[in-house]
Amino acid sequence: MTVNSKKTGLFFGSFNPIHIGHLVIAEYMVEFTELDSIWFVVSPQNPLKQENTLLPERQRLQMVRLAIEYDSRFKASNIEFNLPKPSYTINTLSYLNEKYPKQKFALIMGADNITTLHKWKNYEQLINDYDIYVYPRKESHVIPEYAKRASVHLTEAPVMEISSTFIRKAIKEKNGIKYMLPPSVDEYIKEMHFYEK
């Protein structure tokens, strides 16, 4: 047995904004799988794809920090901010393994991502070298043969139909969504007037 056998799940996303759906999935992963902690890895802004509704990375990171500040099982990570663009998951993992050699990392992704994993850079290495925890989506997805490995764990996490797109649209249209966001994130969004235009 290794000195540190703890396993950290990496939950990649824009988190634009982070909402209770993200938190429910993260909590499921630490309570019902072998994962001991979750790192929310905030994706940097793609310089080639300037989406009007995508907030600057630092502000999205701040919302994640606010959402999880009282939960020691979770961590907000800006690890990809200073890595070469575009950010390839395999490169991020290589960097993390060098920086945290005693840490064991796993991936968390939706069923929609596992079906297109073969398009990712070095996807075979991802499946061979890392555990992947898959949460279901509203739409049913056929799991491809390449993903039927011991390293791929299909979970029964609650299916969350809330999306960041829905949240942004609701804010723009002045509809109440306070129970869909952590209170501190809701306050921060109102204070900064995010997504109102």
N, C-alpha and C. Protein backbone atom coordinates (compact mmCIF):
# COMPACT_ATOMS: atom_id res chain seq x y z
N MET A 1 0.85 -1.21 0.00
CA MET A 1 0.00 0.00 0.00
C MET A 1 0.87 1.25 0.00
N THR A 2 0.53 2.20 -0.82
CA THR A 2 1.32 3.43 -0.89
C THR A 2 1.05 4.31 0.31
N VAL A 3 1.98 5.24 0.53
CA VAL A 3 1.84 6.15 1.68
C VAL A 3 0.59 6.99 1.53
N ASN A 4 0.33 7.45 0.29
CA ASN A 4 -0.86 8.27 0.04
C ASN A 4 -1.71 7.61 -1.03
N SER A 5 -2.75 6.92 -0.60
CA SER A 5 -3.60 6.21 -1.56
C SER A 5 -4.86 7.00 -1.89
N LYS A 6 -4.91 8.24 -1.46
CA LYS A 6 -6.09 9.05 -1.73
C LYS A 6 -6.21 9.33 -3.22
N LYS A 7 -7.45 9.41 -3.67
CA LYS A 7 -7.70 9.62 -5.10
C LYS A 7 -8.50 10.90 -5.29
N THR A 8 -8.02 11.74 -6.18
CA THR A 8 -8.66 13.04 -6.46
C THR A 8 -9.32 13.01 -7.83
N GLY A 9 -10.59 13.39 -7.87
CA GLY A 9 -11.31 13.48 -9.14
C GLY A 9 -11.17 14.87 -9.72
N LEU A 10 -10.86 14.94 -11.00
CA LEU A 10 -10.74 16.23 -11.69
C LEU A 10 -12.02 16.48 -12.47
N PHE A 11 -12.70 17.54 -12.10
CA PHE A 11 -13.98 17.92 -12.71
C PHE A 11 -13.71 19.16 -13.55
N PHE A 12 -13.51 18.98 -14.87
CA PHE A 12 -13.19 20.08 -15.77
C PHE A 12 -14.47 20.79 -16.23
N GLY A 13 -14.39 22.10 -16.40
CA GLY A 13 -15.56 22.81 -16.91
C GLY A 13 -15.33 24.31 -17.00
N SER A 14 -16.23 24.96 -17.74
CA SER A 14 -16.19 26.43 -17.82
C SER A 14 -16.72 27.04 -16.53
N PHE A 15 -17.71 26.34 -15.91
CA PHE A 15 -18.35 26.84 -14.68
C PHE A 15 -18.77 28.30 -14.87
N ASN A 16 -19.65 28.49 -15.84
CA ASN A 16 -20.03 29.84 -16.29
C ASN A 16 -21.55 30.06 -16.20
N PRO A 17 -22.12 30.06 -14.96
CA PRO A 17 -21.46 29.93 -13.66
C PRO A 17 -21.58 28.50 -13.09
N ILE A 18 -20.87 28.27 -12.00
CA ILE A 18 -21.04 27.03 -11.24
C ILE A 18 -22.44 27.06 -10.63
N HIS A 19 -23.13 25.92 -10.59
CA HIS A 19 -24.49 25.88 -10.02
C HIS A 19 -24.67 24.60 -9.20
N ILE A 20 -25.84 24.43 -8.62
CA ILE A 20 -26.03 23.29 -7.71
C ILE A 20 -25.91 21.95 -8.42
N GLY A 21 -26.17 21.91 -9.73
CA GLY A 21 -25.99 20.67 -10.48
C GLY A 21 -24.55 20.18 -10.41
N HIS A 22 -23.59 21.10 -10.58
CA HIS A 22 -22.18 20.75 -10.47
C HIS A 22 -21.86 20.22 -9.07
N LEU A 23 -22.41 20.89 -8.07
CA LEU A 23 -22.11 20.51 -6.68
C LEU A 23 -22.73 19.16 -6.31
N VAL A 24 -23.91 18.89 -6.82
CA VAL A 24 -24.57 17.60 -6.56
C VAL A 24 -23.73 16.47 -7.16
N ILE A 25 -23.24 16.66 -8.37
CA ILE A 25 -22.41 15.63 -9.02
C ILE A 25 -21.11 15.44 -8.22
N ALA A 26 -20.48 16.55 -7.82
CA ALA A 26 -19.23 16.46 -7.05
C ALA A 26 -19.46 15.74 -5.72
N GLU A 27 -20.55 16.07 -5.05
CA GLU A 27 -20.82 15.41 -3.77
C GLU A 27 -21.09 13.92 -3.96
N TYR A 28 -21.83 13.59 -5.01
CA TYR A 28 -22.07 12.17 -5.29
C TYR A 28 -20.74 11.44 -5.46
N MET A 29 -19.82 12.04 -6.19
CA MET A 29 -18.54 11.38 -6.47
C MET A 29 -17.71 11.12 -5.20
N VAL A 30 -17.74 12.05 -4.25
CA VAL A 30 -16.95 11.81 -3.03
C VAL A 30 -17.68 10.91 -2.02
N GLU A 31 -18.98 10.84 -2.13
CA GLU A 31 -19.74 10.03 -1.18
C GLU A 31 -20.01 8.60 -1.67
N PHE A 32 -20.11 8.40 -2.97
CA PHE A 32 -20.54 7.11 -3.51
C PHE A 32 -19.50 6.41 -4.39
N THR A 33 -18.31 7.01 -4.53
CA THR A 33 -17.25 6.35 -5.31
C THR A 33 -15.98 6.32 -4.44
N GLU A 34 -14.88 5.89 -5.04
CA GLU A 34 -13.61 5.81 -4.31
C GLU A 34 -12.89 7.15 -4.23
N LEU A 35 -13.45 8.17 -4.81
CA LEU A 35 -12.79 9.48 -4.80
C LEU A 35 -12.88 10.12 -3.42
N ASP A 36 -11.76 10.69 -2.98
CA ASP A 36 -11.71 11.33 -1.66
C ASP A 36 -11.91 12.84 -1.73
N SER A 37 -11.58 13.40 -2.88
CA SER A 37 -11.71 14.85 -3.04
C SER A 37 -11.95 15.16 -4.52
N ILE A 38 -12.45 16.36 -4.74
CA ILE A 38 -12.74 16.81 -6.11
C ILE A 38 -12.06 18.16 -6.34
N TRP A 39 -11.37 18.26 -7.44
CA TRP A 39 -10.82 19.55 -7.86
C TRP A 39 -11.65 20.04 -9.04
N PHE A 40 -12.22 21.23 -8.89
CA PHE A 40 -12.96 21.87 -9.99
C PHE A 40 -11.92 22.60 -10.85
N VAL A 41 -11.62 22.06 -12.02
CA VAL A 41 -10.59 22.64 -12.89
C VAL A 41 -11.28 23.60 -13.86
N VAL A 42 -11.11 24.89 -13.61
CA VAL A 42 -11.76 25.91 -14.44
C VAL A 42 -11.03 26.04 -15.77
N SER A 43 -11.76 25.85 -16.86
CA SER A 43 -11.16 25.94 -18.20
C SER A 43 -10.87 27.39 -18.55
N PRO A 44 -9.68 27.65 -19.10
CA PRO A 44 -9.36 29.03 -19.47
C PRO A 44 -10.15 29.46 -20.69
N GLN A 45 -10.12 30.77 -20.93
CA GLN A 45 -10.81 31.31 -22.09
C GLN A 45 -10.04 30.92 -23.34
N ASN A 46 -10.73 30.41 -24.32
CA ASN A 46 -10.09 30.07 -25.58
C ASN A 46 -9.91 31.35 -26.40
N PRO A 47 -8.66 31.76 -26.64
CA PRO A 47 -8.44 33.03 -27.36
C PRO A 47 -9.03 33.03 -28.77
N LEU A 48 -9.23 31.84 -29.34
CA LEU A 48 -9.77 31.75 -30.70
C LEU A 48 -11.30 31.72 -30.71
N LYS A 49 -11.89 31.60 -29.52
CA LYS A 49 -13.35 31.45 -29.46
C LYS A 49 -13.90 32.40 -28.39
N GLN A 50 -14.08 33.63 -28.75
CA GLN A 50 -14.56 34.63 -27.81
C GLN A 50 -16.08 34.59 -27.73
N GLU A 51 -16.57 33.87 -26.77
CA GLU A 51 -18.02 33.79 -26.60
C GLU A 51 -18.46 34.95 -25.71
N ASN A 52 -19.48 35.67 -26.14
CA ASN A 52 -19.91 36.86 -25.40
C ASN A 52 -20.30 36.56 -23.96
N THR A 53 -20.93 35.39 -23.74
CA THR A 53 -21.44 35.10 -22.40
C THR A 53 -20.40 34.47 -21.49
N LEU A 54 -19.21 34.17 -22.01
CA LEU A 54 -18.18 33.54 -21.17
C LEU A 54 -17.44 34.60 -20.37
N LEU A 55 -17.59 34.53 -19.05
CA LEU A 55 -16.90 35.49 -18.19
C LEU A 55 -15.40 35.21 -18.19
N PRO A 56 -14.58 36.23 -17.89
CA PRO A 56 -13.14 36.01 -17.76
C PRO A 56 -12.86 34.89 -16.75
N GLU A 57 -11.80 34.14 -17.00
CA GLU A 57 -11.50 32.97 -16.19
C GLU A 57 -11.36 33.27 -14.70
N ARG A 58 -10.79 34.41 -14.35
CA ARG A 58 -10.60 34.73 -12.92
C ARG A 58 -11.94 34.89 -12.20
N GLN A 59 -12.91 35.45 -12.90
CA GLN A 59 -14.22 35.64 -12.26
C GLN A 59 -14.95 34.31 -12.12
N ARG A 60 -14.78 33.42 -13.10
CA ARG A 60 -15.40 32.09 -12.97
C ARG A 60 -14.72 31.29 -11.87
N LEU A 61 -13.41 31.45 -11.74
CA LEU A 61 -12.67 30.79 -10.65
C LEU A 61 -13.16 31.30 -9.29
N GLN A 62 -13.37 32.61 -9.21
CA GLN A 62 -13.85 33.20 -7.96
C GLN A 62 -15.22 32.64 -7.57
N MET A 63 -16.10 32.43 -8.56
CA MET A 63 -17.42 31.86 -8.25
C MET A 63 -17.29 30.43 -7.72
N VAL A 64 -16.36 29.66 -8.31
CA VAL A 64 -16.14 28.30 -7.81
C VAL A 64 -15.63 28.35 -6.37
N ARG A 65 -14.69 29.25 -6.11
CA ARG A 65 -14.15 29.38 -4.74
C ARG A 65 -15.26 29.72 -3.75
N LEU A 66 -16.13 30.64 -4.13
CA LEU A 66 -17.24 31.02 -3.26
C LEU A 66 -18.17 29.83 -3.01
N ALA A 67 -18.43 29.05 -4.06
CA ALA A 67 -19.38 27.94 -3.97
C ALA A 67 -18.89 26.84 -3.03
N ILE A 68 -17.57 26.64 -2.94
CA ILE A 68 -17.04 25.49 -2.19
C ILE A 68 -16.20 25.88 -0.98
N GLU A 69 -16.22 27.16 -0.61
CA GLU A 69 -15.27 27.64 0.39
C GLU A 69 -15.37 26.95 1.75
N TYR A 70 -16.52 26.39 2.08
CA TYR A 70 -16.65 25.75 3.40
C TYR A 70 -16.62 24.23 3.32
N ASP A 71 -16.22 23.69 2.18
CA ASP A 71 -16.19 22.24 2.03
C ASP A 71 -14.76 21.79 1.72
N SER A 72 -14.11 21.17 2.70
CA SER A 72 -12.71 20.78 2.55
C SER A 72 -12.49 19.65 1.53
N ARG A 73 -13.57 19.01 1.10
CA ARG A 73 -13.44 17.92 0.12
C ARG A 73 -13.21 18.47 -1.29
N PHE A 74 -13.51 19.76 -1.46
CA PHE A 74 -13.45 20.37 -2.79
C PHE A 74 -12.36 21.44 -2.88
N LYS A 75 -11.84 21.59 -4.09
CA LYS A 75 -10.81 22.61 -4.32
C LYS A 75 -11.04 23.26 -5.68
N ALA A 76 -10.85 24.57 -5.76
CA ALA A 76 -10.92 25.29 -7.04
C ALA A 76 -9.52 25.33 -7.63
N SER A 77 -9.39 24.93 -8.89
CA SER A 77 -8.06 24.88 -9.50
C SER A 77 -7.98 25.76 -10.75
N ASN A 78 -6.90 26.53 -10.80
CA ASN A 78 -6.63 27.37 -11.98
C ASN A 78 -5.45 26.80 -12.77
N ILE A 79 -5.20 25.52 -12.61
CA ILE A 79 -4.01 24.86 -13.15
C ILE A 79 -3.85 25.06 -14.65
N GLU A 80 -4.97 25.17 -15.38
CA GLU A 80 -4.89 25.29 -16.85
C GLU A 80 -4.66 26.73 -17.32
N PHE A 81 -4.76 27.69 -16.42
CA PHE A 81 -4.65 29.10 -16.84
C PHE A 81 -3.28 29.40 -17.47
N ASN A 82 -2.23 28.78 -16.94
CA ASN A 82 -0.88 29.09 -17.41
C ASN A 82 -0.27 28.01 -18.28
N LEU A 83 -1.06 27.01 -18.63
CA LEU A 83 -0.56 25.95 -19.51
C LEU A 83 -0.76 26.39 -20.97
N PRO A 84 0.01 25.80 -21.91
CA PRO A 84 -0.15 26.16 -23.32
C PRO A 84 -1.58 25.93 -23.80
N LYS A 85 -2.04 26.82 -24.69
CA LYS A 85 -3.37 26.69 -25.26
C LYS A 85 -3.27 26.04 -26.65
N PRO A 86 -4.23 25.25 -27.08
CA PRO A 86 -5.40 24.85 -26.30
C PRO A 86 -5.03 23.86 -25.21
N SER A 87 -5.88 23.75 -24.19
CA SER A 87 -5.62 22.86 -23.07
C SER A 87 -6.06 21.44 -23.40
N TYR A 88 -5.11 20.56 -23.51
CA TYR A 88 -5.44 19.14 -23.72
C TYR A 88 -5.39 18.44 -22.37
N THR A 89 -6.42 17.64 -22.09
CA THR A 89 -6.52 16.97 -20.80
C THR A 89 -5.27 16.15 -20.48
N ILE A 90 -4.74 15.45 -21.47
CA ILE A 90 -3.57 14.60 -21.23
C ILE A 90 -2.36 15.44 -20.81
N ASN A 91 -2.23 16.66 -21.37
CA ASN A 91 -1.12 17.55 -20.99
C ASN A 91 -1.30 18.07 -19.57
N THR A 92 -2.55 18.39 -19.23
CA THR A 92 -2.84 18.87 -17.86
C THR A 92 -2.52 17.78 -16.85
N LEU A 93 -2.90 16.55 -17.16
CA LEU A 93 -2.62 15.43 -16.26
C LEU A 93 -1.12 15.19 -16.10
N SER A 94 -0.37 15.30 -17.18
CA SER A 94 1.09 15.12 -17.12
C SER A 94 1.70 16.17 -16.20
N TYR A 95 1.22 17.40 -16.34
CA TYR A 95 1.71 18.49 -15.50
C TYR A 95 1.36 18.24 -14.02
N LEU A 96 0.12 17.83 -13.77
CA LEU A 96 -0.32 17.57 -12.39
C LEU A 96 0.47 16.43 -11.75
N ASN A 97 0.75 15.40 -12.54
CA ASN A 97 1.51 14.27 -12.01
C ASN A 97 2.93 14.67 -11.62
N GLU A 98 3.50 15.60 -12.38
CA GLU A 98 4.84 16.10 -12.04
C GLU A 98 4.80 16.95 -10.78
N LYS A 99 3.77 17.79 -10.70
CA LYS A 99 3.67 18.72 -9.58
C LYS A 99 3.23 18.03 -8.28
N TYR A 100 2.36 17.02 -8.39
CA TYR A 100 1.86 16.31 -7.21
C TYR A 100 2.11 14.81 -7.38
N PRO A 101 3.37 14.37 -7.27
CA PRO A 101 3.71 12.97 -7.54
C PRO A 101 3.04 11.95 -6.62
N LYS A 102 2.64 12.37 -5.44
CA LYS A 102 2.00 11.44 -4.50
C LYS A 102 0.49 11.36 -4.66
N GLN A 103 -0.03 12.25 -5.49
CA GLN A 103 -1.48 12.32 -5.68
C GLN A 103 -1.90 11.38 -6.80
N LYS A 104 -3.01 10.70 -6.60
CA LYS A 104 -3.56 9.83 -7.66
C LYS A 104 -4.77 10.55 -8.25
N PHE A 105 -4.73 10.83 -9.55
CA PHE A 105 -5.79 11.60 -10.20
C PHE A 105 -6.70 10.71 -11.03
N ALA A 106 -7.97 11.09 -11.07
CA ALA A 106 -8.98 10.42 -11.91
C ALA A 106 -9.78 11.51 -12.61
N LEU A 107 -10.50 11.12 -13.66
CA LEU A 107 -11.31 12.08 -14.40
C LEU A 107 -12.79 11.90 -14.11
N ILE A 108 -13.52 13.01 -14.12
CA ILE A 108 -14.98 12.98 -13.98
C ILE A 108 -15.55 13.58 -15.27
N MET A 109 -16.45 12.89 -15.91
CA MET A 109 -17.04 13.44 -17.14
C MET A 109 -18.46 12.92 -17.35
N GLY A 110 -19.21 13.65 -18.16
CA GLY A 110 -20.57 13.25 -18.49
C GLY A 110 -20.57 12.15 -19.53
N ALA A 111 -21.67 11.43 -19.62
CA ALA A 111 -21.80 10.34 -20.58
C ALA A 111 -21.63 10.83 -22.01
N ASP A 112 -21.98 12.10 -22.27
CA ASP A 112 -21.80 12.64 -23.61
C ASP A 112 -20.33 12.73 -23.99
N ASN A 113 -19.47 13.01 -22.99
CA ASN A 113 -18.04 13.11 -23.27
C ASN A 113 -17.40 11.75 -23.51
N ILE A 114 -17.84 10.75 -22.77
CA ILE A 114 -17.22 9.43 -22.94
C ILE A 114 -17.49 8.87 -24.34
N THR A 115 -18.61 9.28 -24.94
CA THR A 115 -18.93 8.78 -26.28
C THR A 115 -18.07 9.44 -27.37
N THR A 116 -17.48 10.58 -27.05
CA THR A 116 -16.63 11.27 -28.04
C THR A 116 -15.16 11.28 -27.60
N LEU A 117 -14.83 10.47 -26.60
CA LEU A 117 -13.48 10.47 -26.06
C LEU A 117 -12.43 10.08 -27.11
N HIS A 118 -12.84 9.30 -28.08
CA HIS A 118 -11.89 8.86 -29.12
C HIS A 118 -11.37 10.03 -29.96
N LYS A 119 -12.02 11.19 -29.83
CA LYS A 119 -11.56 12.38 -30.56
C LYS A 119 -10.54 13.19 -29.75
N TRP A 120 -10.35 12.81 -28.48
CA TRP A 120 -9.44 13.55 -27.61
C TRP A 120 -7.99 13.15 -27.91
N LYS A 121 -7.09 14.06 -27.62
CA LYS A 121 -5.66 13.77 -27.80
C LYS A 121 -5.24 12.63 -26.87
N ASN A 122 -4.57 11.62 -27.42
CA ASN A 122 -4.06 10.46 -26.66
C ASN A 122 -5.13 9.80 -25.80
N TYR A 123 -6.32 9.62 -26.36
CA TYR A 123 -7.43 9.10 -25.56
C TYR A 123 -7.15 7.70 -25.01
N GLU A 124 -6.38 6.89 -25.74
CA GLU A 124 -6.06 5.53 -25.26
C GLU A 124 -5.25 5.61 -23.96
N GLN A 125 -4.35 6.56 -23.90
CA GLN A 125 -3.54 6.74 -22.69
C GLN A 125 -4.41 7.16 -21.51
N LEU A 126 -5.40 8.00 -21.79
CA LEU A 126 -6.32 8.42 -20.73
C LEU A 126 -7.04 7.21 -20.13
N ILE A 127 -7.56 6.34 -21.02
CA ILE A 127 -8.30 5.17 -20.55
C ILE A 127 -7.39 4.16 -19.86
N ASN A 128 -6.16 4.02 -20.37
CA ASN A 128 -5.24 3.03 -19.81
C ASN A 128 -4.63 3.46 -18.48
N ASP A 129 -4.38 4.76 -18.34
CA ASP A 129 -3.62 5.23 -17.18
C ASP A 129 -4.45 5.86 -16.06
N TYR A 130 -5.73 6.18 -16.35
CA TYR A 130 -6.54 6.89 -15.35
C TYR A 130 -7.93 6.26 -15.20
N ASP A 131 -8.42 6.30 -13.97
CA ASP A 131 -9.82 5.93 -13.76
C ASP A 131 -10.69 7.09 -14.27
N ILE A 132 -11.81 6.74 -14.87
CA ILE A 132 -12.74 7.75 -15.37
C ILE A 132 -14.12 7.46 -14.77
N TYR A 133 -14.67 8.44 -14.08
CA TYR A 133 -15.98 8.31 -13.45
C TYR A 133 -16.99 9.08 -14.29
N VAL A 134 -17.98 8.36 -14.79
CA VAL A 134 -18.93 8.93 -15.75
C VAL A 134 -20.29 9.15 -15.08
N TYR A 135 -20.81 10.37 -15.20
CA TYR A 135 -22.15 10.63 -14.67
C TYR A 135 -23.15 10.68 -15.83
N PRO A 136 -24.38 10.20 -15.60
CA PRO A 136 -25.37 10.14 -16.69
C PRO A 136 -25.88 11.51 -17.08
N ARG A 137 -26.34 11.60 -18.31
CA ARG A 137 -26.97 12.81 -18.83
C ARG A 137 -28.45 12.52 -19.07
N LYS A 138 -29.21 13.58 -19.31
CA LYS A 138 -30.64 13.42 -19.57
C LYS A 138 -30.86 12.54 -20.81
N GLU A 139 -30.09 12.82 -21.88
CA GLU A 139 -30.20 12.01 -23.10
C GLU A 139 -29.43 10.72 -22.86
N SER A 140 -29.94 9.62 -23.34
CA SER A 140 -29.22 8.36 -23.18
C SER A 140 -28.09 8.29 -24.20
N HIS A 141 -26.94 7.77 -23.77
CA HIS A 141 -25.78 7.65 -24.64
C HIS A 141 -25.30 6.20 -24.65
N VAL A 142 -25.01 5.70 -25.82
CA VAL A 142 -24.47 4.34 -25.94
C VAL A 142 -22.98 4.40 -25.64
N ILE A 143 -22.55 3.62 -24.64
CA ILE A 143 -21.14 3.61 -24.27
C ILE A 143 -20.37 2.79 -25.31
N PRO A 144 -19.38 3.41 -25.96
CA PRO A 144 -18.63 2.71 -27.00
C PRO A 144 -17.76 1.59 -26.43
N GLU A 145 -17.39 0.65 -27.29
CA GLU A 145 -16.60 -0.52 -26.88
C GLU A 145 -15.30 -0.11 -26.19
N TYR A 146 -14.63 0.93 -26.75
CA TYR A 146 -13.33 1.31 -26.18
C TYR A 146 -13.45 1.79 -24.74
N ALA A 147 -14.65 2.18 -24.32
CA ALA A 147 -14.84 2.68 -22.95
C ALA A 147 -15.30 1.58 -21.99
N LYS A 148 -15.46 0.36 -22.50
CA LYS A 148 -15.90 -0.74 -21.63
C LYS A 148 -14.68 -1.40 -20.99
N ARG A 149 -13.98 -0.61 -20.21
CA ARG A 149 -12.77 -1.07 -19.52
C ARG A 149 -12.99 -0.96 -18.02
N ALA A 150 -12.15 -1.65 -17.27
CA ALA A 150 -12.24 -1.61 -15.80
C ALA A 150 -11.99 -0.20 -15.28
N SER A 151 -11.26 0.60 -16.06
CA SER A 151 -10.93 1.96 -15.61
C SER A 151 -12.10 2.93 -15.75
N VAL A 152 -13.11 2.55 -16.53
CA VAL A 152 -14.27 3.43 -16.75
C VAL A 152 -15.41 3.00 -15.84
N HIS A 153 -15.80 3.89 -14.94
CA HIS A 153 -16.82 3.60 -13.94
C HIS A 153 -18.10 4.37 -14.28
N LEU A 154 -19.14 3.66 -14.67
CA LEU A 154 -20.43 4.31 -14.94
C LEU A 154 -21.17 4.45 -13.62
N THR A 155 -21.48 5.67 -13.22
CA THR A 155 -22.10 5.90 -11.92
C THR A 155 -23.60 6.15 -12.06
N GLU A 156 -24.26 6.15 -10.93
CA GLU A 156 -25.70 6.44 -10.90
C GLU A 156 -25.95 7.79 -10.25
N ALA A 157 -25.07 8.72 -10.55
CA ALA A 157 -25.24 10.08 -10.03
C ALA A 157 -26.57 10.64 -10.50
N PRO A 158 -27.20 11.50 -9.70
CA PRO A 158 -28.47 12.11 -10.11
C PRO A 158 -28.32 12.83 -11.45
N VAL A 159 -29.32 12.69 -12.29
CA VAL A 159 -29.30 13.39 -13.59
C VAL A 159 -29.75 14.83 -13.35
N MET A 160 -28.85 15.76 -13.60
CA MET A 160 -29.13 17.17 -13.36
C MET A 160 -29.47 17.87 -14.67
N GLU A 161 -30.67 18.42 -14.72
CA GLU A 161 -31.10 19.08 -15.95
C GLU A 161 -30.79 20.58 -15.94
N ILE A 162 -30.28 21.08 -14.82
CA ILE A 162 -29.91 22.50 -14.77
C ILE A 162 -28.62 22.67 -15.55
N SER A 163 -28.55 23.72 -16.35
CA SER A 163 -27.32 24.00 -17.09
C SER A 163 -26.93 25.46 -16.87
N SER A 164 -25.66 25.74 -17.09
CA SER A 164 -25.19 27.13 -16.99
C SER A 164 -25.87 28.00 -18.04
N THR A 165 -26.15 27.42 -19.20
CA THR A 165 -26.85 28.16 -20.27
C THR A 165 -28.23 28.60 -19.78
N PHE A 166 -28.94 27.68 -19.12
CA PHE A 166 -30.27 27.98 -18.58
C PHE A 166 -30.18 29.11 -17.54
N ILE A 167 -29.18 29.02 -16.67
CA ILE A 167 -28.99 30.04 -15.62
C ILE A 167 -28.75 31.41 -16.25
N ARG A 168 -27.86 31.47 -17.22
CA ARG A 168 -27.53 32.75 -17.86
C ARG A 168 -28.76 33.35 -18.53
N LYS A 169 -29.51 32.52 -19.23
CA LYS A 169 -30.72 32.98 -19.92
C LYS A 169 -31.74 33.51 -18.91
N ALA A 170 -31.90 32.80 -17.78
CA ALA A 170 -32.85 33.21 -16.75
C ALA A 170 -32.47 34.56 -16.15
N ILE A 171 -31.18 34.75 -15.91
CA ILE A 171 -30.71 36.02 -15.35
C ILE A 171 -30.98 37.16 -16.33
N LYS A 172 -30.67 36.91 -17.59
CA LYS A 172 -30.88 37.93 -18.62
C LYS A 172 -32.36 38.30 -18.72
N GLU A 173 -33.23 37.31 -18.53
CA GLU A 173 -34.67 37.55 -18.63
C GLU A 173 -35.30 37.91 -17.29
N LYS A 174 -34.44 38.10 -16.27
CA LYS A 174 -34.88 38.53 -14.93
C LYS A 174 -35.82 37.52 -14.26
N ASN A 175 -35.56 36.24 -14.47
CA ASN A 175 -36.29 35.18 -13.77
C ASN A 175 -35.49 34.75 -12.54
N GLY A 176 -36.21 34.45 -11.47
CA GLY A 176 -35.54 34.04 -10.23
C GLY A 176 -34.92 32.66 -10.33
N ILE A 177 -33.68 32.51 -9.89
CA ILE A 177 -33.01 31.20 -9.91
C ILE A 177 -32.18 31.00 -8.63
N LYS A 178 -32.60 31.65 -7.53
CA LYS A 178 -31.75 31.66 -6.34
C LYS A 178 -31.52 30.27 -5.75
N TYR A 179 -32.44 29.34 -5.94
CA TYR A 179 -32.24 28.00 -5.38
C TYR A 179 -31.40 27.12 -6.31
N MET A 180 -31.05 27.63 -7.46
CA MET A 180 -30.23 26.86 -8.40
C MET A 180 -28.75 27.19 -8.28
N LEU A 181 -28.45 28.19 -7.45
CA LEU A 181 -27.07 28.63 -7.25
C LEU A 181 -26.73 28.61 -5.76
N PRO A 182 -25.47 28.34 -5.41
CA PRO A 182 -25.06 28.55 -4.02
C PRO A 182 -25.31 30.02 -3.66
N PRO A 183 -25.83 30.33 -2.46
CA PRO A 183 -26.16 31.71 -2.11
C PRO A 183 -25.02 32.71 -2.34
N SER A 184 -23.79 32.32 -2.02
CA SER A 184 -22.65 33.24 -2.19
C SER A 184 -22.41 33.55 -3.66
N VAL A 185 -22.66 32.57 -4.53
CA VAL A 185 -22.49 32.79 -5.98
C VAL A 185 -23.61 33.68 -6.50
N ASP A 186 -24.83 33.44 -6.02
CA ASP A 186 -25.98 34.27 -6.40
C ASP A 186 -25.72 35.74 -6.04
N GLU A 187 -25.20 35.97 -4.85
CA GLU A 187 -24.90 37.34 -4.39
C GLU A 187 -23.83 37.98 -5.25
N TYR A 188 -22.77 37.20 -5.54
CA TYR A 188 -21.65 37.72 -6.33
C TYR A 188 -22.11 38.09 -7.74
N ILE A 189 -22.93 37.26 -8.36
CA ILE A 189 -23.44 37.52 -9.71
C ILE A 189 -24.28 38.81 -9.71
N LYS A 190 -25.13 38.97 -8.67
CA LYS A 190 -25.96 40.19 -8.59
C LYS A 190 -25.10 41.43 -8.36
N GLU A 191 -24.12 41.29 -7.49
CA GLU A 191 -23.25 42.41 -7.14
C GLU A 191 -22.45 42.88 -8.37
N MET A 192 -22.01 41.91 -9.18
CA MET A 192 -21.18 42.23 -10.36
C MET A 192 -22.02 42.45 -11.63
N HIS A 193 -23.34 42.21 -11.53
CA HIS A 193 -24.25 42.38 -12.68
C HIS A 193 -23.86 41.48 -13.85
N PHE A 194 -23.41 40.26 -13.53
CA PHE A 194 -23.07 39.30 -14.57
C PHE A 194 -24.30 38.81 -15.31
N TYR A 195 -24.14 38.52 -16.57
CA TYR A 195 -25.15 37.88 -17.44
C TYR A 195 -26.44 38.67 -17.62
N GLU A 196 -26.45 39.94 -17.24
CA GLU A 196 -27.69 40.70 -17.33
C GLU A 196 -27.97 41.20 -18.75
N LYS A 197 -26.97 41.27 -19.58
CA LYS A 197 -27.15 41.77 -20.96
C LYS A 197 -26.92 40.67 -21.98
